[in-house]
C-alpha cells in the first residue's frame, strides 16, 4: 500500500473521462460519435478554477484530435490550472487492427502489441496537441489487462486510475474488481507506478459484510435496492452520475472514516451537456450536476479534506 507524507492528510481529486458522445445503449462503432459537448468543457474548467480545484482531464482519441479541446485546455495545462491524462477507447483509437466487439472494447483484452500501439499513438497525440506529457492513465470501460501496467511503466506514466473496486465487469468480458483495495497502492516493486482506485464505499448496517453479501446479489438489482432503502447495504461510487448528493456524502463519510488518504471522484465529459448521457437530459439536470459539485466541495471543506492533483500526489507519496 502507498503511504503519503504526514502533511498530506486526506485529500481528493476530480477526474473527468473526457470522451466522445455515443449512444450508450447501442453497439459500439468506430465512427458514430460526436464532439458537440466539448464546448462545455470550458465552463466546467472555469467552475473548478473558481472553487480552487485542478480538474484532471483523461482524454481519448476523438478529444485529443479535436480542434477545440486543445484551444480550451492548453494554456491551463501549462500553468497548472488543469492536468491531463490518457483514456483509451480502443474502438475509436488507431491502429484499427481488431474487430469492434464488446470483448475488444476492453483494451486489456487486446494482444499486447496492439494495446501498446494504441496507447502510444494516443499518448504521443496528447503531448503533441496539448503541449504537456500526460502522467496518468485510465482504461476506457476500466479495462485493464495483464500487460497494461508494464506498458504504462515503459511509457513513463506515474499513475493508473483504472481500478473500480466493488464493481465486476466480467459478464461483459472485462475485469472483476470486487476484491481490489480501495486505498492507493504500488503496482511495481520499484514504486514507479501508483494505482489510484476510483473511490467506492459500502454504507449501511451490513457494510462490513458488503464484500460477502453484494456479490451474491449481483443479478438481483431489485433486492439491492431494497437493502439500500432499508439502510442495510448500499454501494456508493463517488460520481454525480446516478448518485445523489446525500448518497455521495454518506460515501464520503465512509471513505474518510475508513482512513482513505485520497478520494477519487469521476464522471464523463458528455454529461457537461444535455442529451448525451442518461444522467443529464435537460438543462435542469445540468444545473443539478453543478449543484452536486458545489455541495460536495462544501462538504469536503467542512470535513477538512483539501483538493489535490497528480503533481501533488506524486510529490507527497513516499517511495
Protein backbone atom coordinates (compact mmCIF):
# COMPACT_ATOMS: atom_id res chain seq x y z
CA UNK A 1 0.00 0.00 0.00
CA UNK A 2 1.16 3.55 -0.69
CA UNK A 3 2.00 5.93 2.13
CA UNK A 4 1.96 9.71 1.98
CA UNK A 5 3.80 12.48 3.80
CA UNK A 6 2.35 13.40 7.18
CA UNK A 7 1.09 16.77 5.95
CA UNK A 8 -0.91 15.18 3.11
CA UNK A 9 -3.76 14.21 5.41
CA UNK A 10 -6.90 13.20 3.50
CA UNK A 11 -7.45 14.79 0.09
CA UNK A 12 -9.48 14.37 -3.08
CA UNK A 13 -9.09 14.66 -6.84
CA UNK A 14 -11.62 15.27 -9.62
CA UNK A 15 -11.15 13.19 -12.76
CA UNK A 16 -13.13 13.63 -15.98
CA UNK A 17 -13.40 10.80 -18.51
CA UNK A 18 -13.10 13.17 -21.46
CA UNK A 19 -14.55 11.31 -24.41
CA UNK A 20 -16.73 11.42 -27.50
CA UNK A 21 -20.51 11.30 -27.42
CA UNK A 22 -22.08 8.00 -28.40
CA UNK A 23 -25.23 6.00 -27.74
CA UNK A 24 -24.54 4.03 -24.56
CA UNK A 25 -27.33 1.58 -25.41
CA UNK A 26 -26.24 0.83 -28.99
CA UNK A 27 -23.41 -1.39 -30.24
CA UNK A 28 -20.05 0.39 -30.35
CA UNK A 29 -18.85 1.73 -33.69
CA UNK A 30 -15.72 3.46 -34.94
CA UNK A 31 -17.48 6.45 -36.50
CA UNK A 32 -20.92 7.04 -34.97
CA UNK A 33 -19.97 9.61 -32.36
CA UNK A 34 -19.84 13.36 -31.84
CA UNK A 35 -17.94 16.12 -30.04
CA UNK A 36 -20.54 18.85 -29.62
CA UNK A 37 -20.24 18.88 -25.83
CA UNK A 38 -16.56 19.90 -25.99
CA UNK A 39 -17.80 23.50 -25.97
CA UNK A 40 -18.96 22.89 -22.38
CA UNK A 41 -15.54 21.83 -21.13
CA UNK A 42 -14.51 25.44 -20.63
CA UNK A 43 -17.45 26.11 -18.30
CA UNK A 44 -16.57 23.22 -16.00
CA UNK A 45 -12.89 24.13 -16.10
CA UNK A 46 -13.74 27.69 -15.02
CA UNK A 47 -16.11 26.36 -12.37
CA UNK A 48 -13.31 24.24 -10.92
CA UNK A 49 -10.86 27.14 -11.01
CA UNK A 50 -13.34 29.28 -9.09
CA UNK A 51 -13.56 26.53 -6.46
CA UNK A 52 -9.78 26.09 -6.22
CA UNK A 53 -9.88 22.67 -7.90
CA UNK A 54 -7.43 21.35 -10.52
CA UNK A 55 -9.53 19.02 -12.72
CA UNK A 56 -7.80 16.07 -14.33
CA UNK A 57 -8.99 15.62 -17.93
CA UNK A 58 -8.50 12.00 -19.07
CA UNK A 59 -8.57 12.42 -22.83
CA UNK A 60 -9.29 9.83 -25.50
CA UNK A 61 -8.51 9.90 -29.24
CA UNK A 62 -11.53 11.85 -30.60
CA UNK A 63 -10.96 14.56 -27.98
CA UNK A 64 -7.18 14.62 -28.47
CA UNK A 65 -7.66 15.14 -32.21
CA UNK A 66 -10.46 17.71 -31.88
CA UNK A 67 -9.77 21.34 -32.73
CA UNK A 68 -11.47 22.89 -29.73
CA UNK A 69 -10.22 20.86 -26.74
CA UNK A 70 -6.56 21.97 -27.04
CA UNK A 71 -7.68 25.57 -27.53
CA UNK A 72 -9.62 25.40 -24.26
CA UNK A 73 -7.13 23.48 -22.14
CA UNK A 74 -3.57 24.02 -23.41
CA UNK A 75 -2.74 27.26 -21.57
CA UNK A 76 -4.43 26.00 -18.42
CA UNK A 77 -2.40 22.78 -18.54
CA UNK A 78 0.85 24.67 -18.98
CA UNK A 79 0.23 26.94 -15.99
CA UNK A 80 -1.11 24.20 -13.71
CA UNK A 81 -4.81 25.11 -13.56
CA UNK A 82 -5.66 21.75 -15.12
CA UNK A 83 -3.96 18.39 -15.68
CA UNK A 84 -4.28 15.89 -18.49
CA UNK A 85 -4.16 12.14 -18.76
CA UNK A 86 -4.73 9.28 -21.20
CA UNK A 87 -8.06 7.46 -21.56
CA UNK A 88 -8.00 4.66 -24.11
CA UNK A 89 -11.19 3.79 -26.01
CA UNK A 90 -9.69 1.16 -28.34
CA UNK A 91 -12.63 1.08 -30.75
CA UNK A 92 -12.01 4.71 -31.84
CA UNK A 93 -8.23 4.75 -31.38
CA UNK A 94 -5.83 3.76 -34.19
CA UNK A 95 -4.34 1.47 -35.28
CA UNK A 96 -7.57 -0.30 -36.21
CA UNK A 97 -6.36 -3.89 -36.42
CA UNK A 98 -9.16 -5.52 -34.42
CA UNK A 99 -12.88 -6.08 -34.84
CA UNK A 100 -15.20 -3.79 -32.93
CA UNK A 101 -16.71 -6.11 -30.33
CA UNK A 102 -17.64 -5.82 -26.68
CA UNK A 103 -14.69 -8.04 -25.74
CA UNK A 104 -12.27 -5.84 -27.67
CA UNK A 105 -13.68 -2.65 -26.11
CA UNK A 106 -11.63 -3.52 -23.01
CA UNK A 107 -8.13 -2.52 -24.11
CA UNK A 108 -6.54 -5.04 -21.76
CA UNK A 109 -8.13 -7.87 -23.76
CA UNK A 110 -6.20 -6.91 -26.89
CA UNK A 111 -2.88 -8.51 -27.84
CA UNK A 112 -0.05 -6.77 -26.04
CA UNK A 113 1.41 -5.27 -29.22
CA UNK A 114 -1.93 -3.77 -30.27
CA UNK A 115 -2.75 -2.39 -26.81
CA UNK A 116 0.71 -0.81 -26.71
CA UNK A 117 0.39 0.63 -30.22
CA UNK A 118 -2.96 2.24 -29.47
CA UNK A 119 -1.74 3.62 -26.16
CA UNK A 120 1.47 5.01 -27.64
CA UNK A 121 -0.39 6.68 -30.50
CA UNK A 122 -2.77 8.38 -28.06
CA UNK A 123 -0.11 9.39 -25.56
CA UNK A 124 2.01 10.97 -28.31
CA UNK A 125 -1.01 12.73 -29.82
CA UNK A 126 -1.95 14.25 -26.45
CA UNK A 127 1.56 15.59 -25.91
CA UNK A 128 1.63 16.97 -29.47
CA UNK A 129 -1.76 18.70 -29.28
CA UNK A 130 -1.82 19.88 -25.65
CA UNK A 131 1.87 20.66 -25.12
CA UNK A 132 2.36 18.59 -21.96
CA UNK A 133 3.15 14.94 -21.32
CA UNK A 134 0.33 13.01 -19.61
CA UNK A 135 1.28 11.27 -16.36
CA UNK A 136 -1.96 9.43 -15.50
CA UNK A 137 -3.96 6.73 -17.32
CA UNK A 138 -7.47 5.33 -17.16
CA UNK A 139 -8.53 2.47 -19.38
CA UNK A 140 -11.87 3.08 -21.06
CA UNK A 141 -14.54 0.86 -19.51
CA UNK A 142 -11.97 0.30 -16.71
CA UNK A 143 -10.44 -2.32 -19.00
CA UNK A 144 -7.06 -3.16 -17.53
CA UNK A 145 -5.26 -6.28 -18.75
CA UNK A 146 -2.24 -8.40 -17.86
CA UNK A 147 0.20 -6.20 -19.79
CA UNK A 148 -1.18 -2.73 -19.05
CA UNK A 149 0.99 -1.89 -16.04
CA UNK A 150 4.13 -2.93 -17.88
CA UNK A 151 3.39 -0.75 -20.90
CA UNK A 152 2.48 2.23 -18.70
CA UNK A 153 5.82 1.91 -16.93
CA UNK A 154 7.63 1.65 -20.26
CA UNK A 155 5.95 4.88 -21.42
CA UNK A 156 6.92 6.73 -18.24
CA UNK A 157 3.48 7.23 -16.75
CA UNK A 158 3.35 7.68 -12.99
CA UNK A 159 -0.26 6.78 -12.14
CA UNK A 160 -3.01 4.42 -13.22
CA UNK A 161 -6.61 5.09 -12.16
CA UNK A 162 -8.50 2.33 -13.94
CA UNK A 163 -9.43 0.12 -10.99
CA UNK A 164 -13.02 0.48 -9.78
CA UNK A 165 -13.27 -1.52 -6.55
CA UNK A 166 -16.54 -3.27 -5.65
CA UNK A 167 -17.53 -3.47 -9.35
CA UNK A 168 -17.48 -6.52 -11.62
CA UNK A 169 -17.34 -6.20 -15.42
CA UNK A 170 -16.60 -9.85 -16.15
CA UNK A 171 -20.07 -10.54 -17.57
CA UNK A 172 -19.19 -8.17 -20.43
CA UNK A 173 -15.68 -9.57 -20.83
CA UNK A 174 -13.94 -7.05 -18.56
CA UNK A 175 -12.19 -7.24 -15.18
CA UNK A 176 -13.68 -8.16 -11.82
CA UNK A 177 -12.59 -5.52 -9.27
CA UNK A 178 -14.75 -6.67 -6.35
CA UNK A 179 -11.80 -7.72 -4.20
CA UNK A 180 -9.39 -4.91 -5.11
CA UNK A 181 -8.12 -2.46 -2.46
CA UNK A 182 -9.81 0.89 -2.01
CA UNK A 183 -6.67 2.79 -0.96
CA UNK A 184 -3.76 3.74 -3.28
CA UNK A 185 -1.08 1.09 -3.81
CA UNK A 186 2.06 0.48 -5.86
CA UNK A 187 1.90 -1.68 -8.97
CA UNK A 188 5.62 -2.50 -9.02
CA UNK A 189 8.36 -3.24 -6.50
CA UNK A 190 10.36 -0.23 -7.65
CA UNK A 191 7.45 2.11 -6.72
CA UNK A 192 7.37 3.85 -10.09
CA UNK A 193 3.68 3.22 -10.94
CA UNK A 194 0.95 4.15 -8.47
CA UNK A 195 -2.64 2.90 -8.57
CA UNK A 196 -5.32 5.41 -7.53
CA UNK A 197 -8.57 3.40 -7.45
CA UNK A 198 -11.82 5.19 -8.11
CA UNK A 199 -13.49 5.60 -4.73
CA UNK A 200 -16.50 3.44 -3.93
CA UNK A 201 -17.77 2.63 -0.43
CA UNK A 202 -20.30 0.34 1.18
CA UNK A 203 -22.73 2.09 3.51
CA UNK A 204 -25.34 0.69 5.89
CA UNK A 205 -25.69 -1.60 8.87
CA UNK A 206 -24.26 -4.50 6.85
CA UNK A 207 -21.40 -2.55 5.24
CA UNK A 208 -18.72 -4.67 6.93
CA UNK A 209 -20.29 -7.73 5.31
CA UNK A 210 -20.66 -5.99 1.95
CA UNK A 211 -17.88 -7.97 0.28
CA UNK A 212 -19.74 -11.15 1.15
CA UNK A 213 -23.32 -10.05 0.52
CA UNK A 214 -23.17 -7.77 -2.51
CA UNK A 215 -21.67 -10.29 -4.99
CA UNK A 216 -24.50 -12.70 -4.17
CA UNK A 217 -26.98 -10.01 -5.24
CA UNK A 218 -25.20 -9.17 -8.49
CA UNK A 219 -28.09 -10.23 -10.70
CA UNK A 220 -30.82 -9.10 -8.30
CA UNK A 221 -30.89 -5.27 -8.58
CA UNK A 222 -34.36 -5.07 -7.01
CA UNK A 223 -33.11 -6.74 -3.83
CA UNK A 224 -30.07 -4.48 -3.77
CA UNK A 225 -32.46 -1.53 -3.94
CA UNK A 226 -34.47 -2.89 -1.01
CA UNK A 227 -31.35 -3.22 1.13
CA UNK A 228 -30.34 0.36 0.26
CA UNK A 229 -33.78 1.78 1.12
CA UNK A 230 -33.75 -0.05 4.45
CA UNK A 231 -30.32 1.38 5.29
CA UNK A 232 -28.79 -2.09 5.39
CA UNK A 233 -26.34 -2.07 2.48
CA UNK A 234 -25.63 0.38 -0.32
CA UNK A 235 -22.75 0.66 -2.79
CA UNK A 236 -21.82 4.31 -3.37
CA UNK A 237 -19.32 5.38 -6.06
CA UNK A 238 -18.18 8.99 -5.82
CA UNK A 239 -19.73 10.38 -9.01
CA UNK A 240 -22.58 12.78 -9.78
CA UNK A 241 -23.86 10.31 -12.38
CA UNK A 242 -26.72 8.40 -10.78
CA UNK A 243 -25.67 9.24 -7.20
CA UNK A 244 -27.50 11.88 -5.15
CA UNK A 245 -25.66 14.41 -3.01
CA UNK A 246 -26.99 12.71 0.11
CA UNK A 247 -25.68 9.34 -1.08
CA UNK A 248 -22.33 10.88 -2.02
CA UNK A 249 -21.97 12.42 1.45
CA UNK A 250 -22.62 9.03 3.02
CA UNK A 251 -19.97 7.55 0.75
CA UNK A 252 -17.52 10.32 1.61
CA UNK A 253 -18.08 9.74 5.32
CA UNK A 254 -17.45 6.02 4.97
CA UNK A 255 -14.27 6.55 2.92
CA UNK A 256 -12.91 9.10 5.39
CA UNK A 257 -13.83 7.01 8.41
CA UNK A 258 -12.01 4.08 6.82
CA UNK A 259 -8.92 6.28 6.62
CA UNK A 260 -8.57 6.52 2.85
CA UNK A 261 -5.86 9.11 2.17
CA UNK A 262 -7.25 10.07 -1.26
CA UNK A 263 -10.79 10.17 -2.60
CA UNK A 264 -11.05 9.84 -6.40
CA UNK A 265 -14.17 11.38 -7.97
CA UNK A 266 -15.08 10.77 -11.59
CA UNK A 267 -17.69 11.42 -14.26
CA UNK A 268 -17.96 11.53 -18.07
CA UNK A 269 -17.45 14.77 -20.02
CA UNK A 270 -20.58 14.31 -22.23
CA UNK A 271 -22.58 14.87 -19.01
CA UNK A 272 -21.47 18.51 -19.26
CA UNK A 273 -24.11 18.96 -21.98
CA UNK A 274 -27.69 17.80 -22.37
CA UNK A 275 -28.82 14.66 -24.13
CA UNK A 276 -25.57 12.70 -24.36
CA UNK A 277 -25.66 10.54 -21.21
CA UNK A 278 -28.53 9.02 -19.23
CA UNK A 279 -27.69 11.35 -16.34
CA UNK A 280 -28.09 14.78 -17.99
CA UNK A 281 -31.09 15.01 -20.31
CA UNK A 282 -32.22 18.60 -19.64
CA UNK A 283 -30.78 21.95 -18.59
CA UNK A 284 -32.31 21.30 -15.16
CA UNK A 285 -30.26 18.10 -14.96
CA UNK A 286 -27.15 20.07 -15.89
CA UNK A 287 -27.85 22.67 -13.20
CA UNK A 288 -28.28 19.80 -10.74
CA UNK A 289 -24.89 18.37 -11.73
CA UNK A 290 -23.15 21.65 -10.96
CA UNK A 291 -25.09 21.96 -7.70
CA UNK A 292 -23.97 18.42 -6.81
CA UNK A 293 -20.35 19.50 -7.14
CA UNK A 294 -20.91 22.72 -5.16
CA UNK A 295 -22.44 20.84 -2.26
CA UNK A 296 -19.85 18.06 -2.35
CA UNK A 297 -16.96 20.56 -2.43
CA UNK A 298 -18.52 22.44 0.50
CA UNK A 299 -18.94 19.22 2.48
CA UNK A 300 -15.37 18.14 1.83
CA UNK A 301 -14.17 21.54 3.02
CA UNK A 302 -16.25 21.17 6.19
CA UNK A 303 -14.55 17.83 6.83
CA UNK A 304 -11.11 19.37 6.31
CA UNK A 305 -10.46 17.44 3.06
CA UNK A 306 -8.38 19.52 0.64
CA UNK A 307 -8.27 19.18 -3.16
CA UNK A 308 -5.18 17.67 -4.76
CA UNK A 309 -3.85 16.83 -8.22
CA UNK A 310 -1.47 14.43 -9.95
CA UNK A 311 1.63 16.55 -9.44
CA UNK A 312 0.97 16.94 -5.71
CA UNK A 313 0.16 13.25 -5.22
CA UNK A 314 3.50 12.32 -6.78
CA UNK A 315 5.32 14.84 -4.59
CA UNK A 316 3.69 13.62 -1.38
CA UNK A 317 3.76 9.85 -1.90
CA UNK A 318 6.59 8.14 -0.04
CA UNK A 319 8.74 5.94 -2.24
